[in-house]
Amino acid sequence: MRRARIASVATVVLSLVVLQTTTACSRIFGEPIAGATDPAPSAVPAEELARGLLASAAAAEPDADASGSSAQATNDGAAPAGAAVPTDGAAPTDAAPTDAAPTDAAAQDAAAQGTVSTPWGPLSPADRDLVVKVRLAGLWEIPTGRQAAKRAFRAVTRKNLGEIARQHELLDAEVREVAEELRVPLPDEPNDDQKGWMAEISAKKGLAYDQTAVMRLRMAHGKIFPAIGAVRASTRNTLIRGFAESAAKFVNTHMGLLEGTGLAGDHALPPAPTPSPAPPLTVPEDEPAPSAPPATSLLDGAKEGHHSTGG
């Protein structure tokens, strides 16, 4: 009898140790992933949250700038006075400096530690981060687009931003489905930066409202677009691969809609990448335009040269 009790206690202790170890491993990197035996995480549709998010943004907004209502409508895309460029992803000014940037090998090791197995292939931290970012985009762009459809100063802004909100409802349905399949928890409210943008836009009137809304939305789309491409190029997960392709199409369409307002000037665009090595300079206007033969003709010539040398 005593041996039976000892064996029972040992079994309970071993079970607790295994449970703690499993829980700790699931939290090695980023947000925990729901276990295979846990209920799949589900998220409320972003369009259902939109009304409350707009009310929160309105409550947090400062006094509206009345001078914006007297602004003259122009299409030069000039930034509204005092408007700041979105800084999503930027570190806070009081953040502690890091001693050194991680090496590529260290970054790959960290990513490998946070990768989990799924029926569609390995799911990396970058994959999960994309799912969360697309969800966050819908949480602030749906209410912002709906508000702009009613409040924007110009008809084209009302039409285009309203369409962006409608399309984000479709994308939100897709991201919720993907997240449930992959067991990735999703947020139910925008992050602090996005809440600040919503409050900033809501506080504007007249043309300043249009300019600020387009500036914030276009800058945000310009930053997530290359992130989607990077995940599409690197993911080993077939479900994420298809999701990234779909998200890229949506974001590309939205950038076109924002540019179609005529208000997406330089202030609304992220910095251009720096190519390496530097590309050739353009030919001056007073010189003949450069021309190049078809690549296939060069390929045929290369084959002939290869055969003539006996290679």
Foldseek 3Di string as FASTA:
>chain_A
DVVVVVVVVVVVVVVVVVVVVVVVLQVLDDDGFDDPPDQQAFADQLVVCLVVLLVVLQVPADAADVVQAVDDDDLQQDAPPPDDAQDVPDDDPPDDDDPDDDDPVVVVVSQVSNWDQAPQGIQTPLLLVLLQLLLLLLNQLLNLLCVCLPAEQDNLLNVLSVVLNVVSSVLSVVSRVLCRRRRRHYDNHHDPSSSVLSNVLVRYHHNNNSSSSLLHLLLSLQVVLVSLVVCLVDPSGPSSVVSSVVVNVSSVVSNVSSVVVSNCDPSSHDDDDDDPPDDDDADDPVDDHDDDDDPVVVVVVVVVVVVVVVD
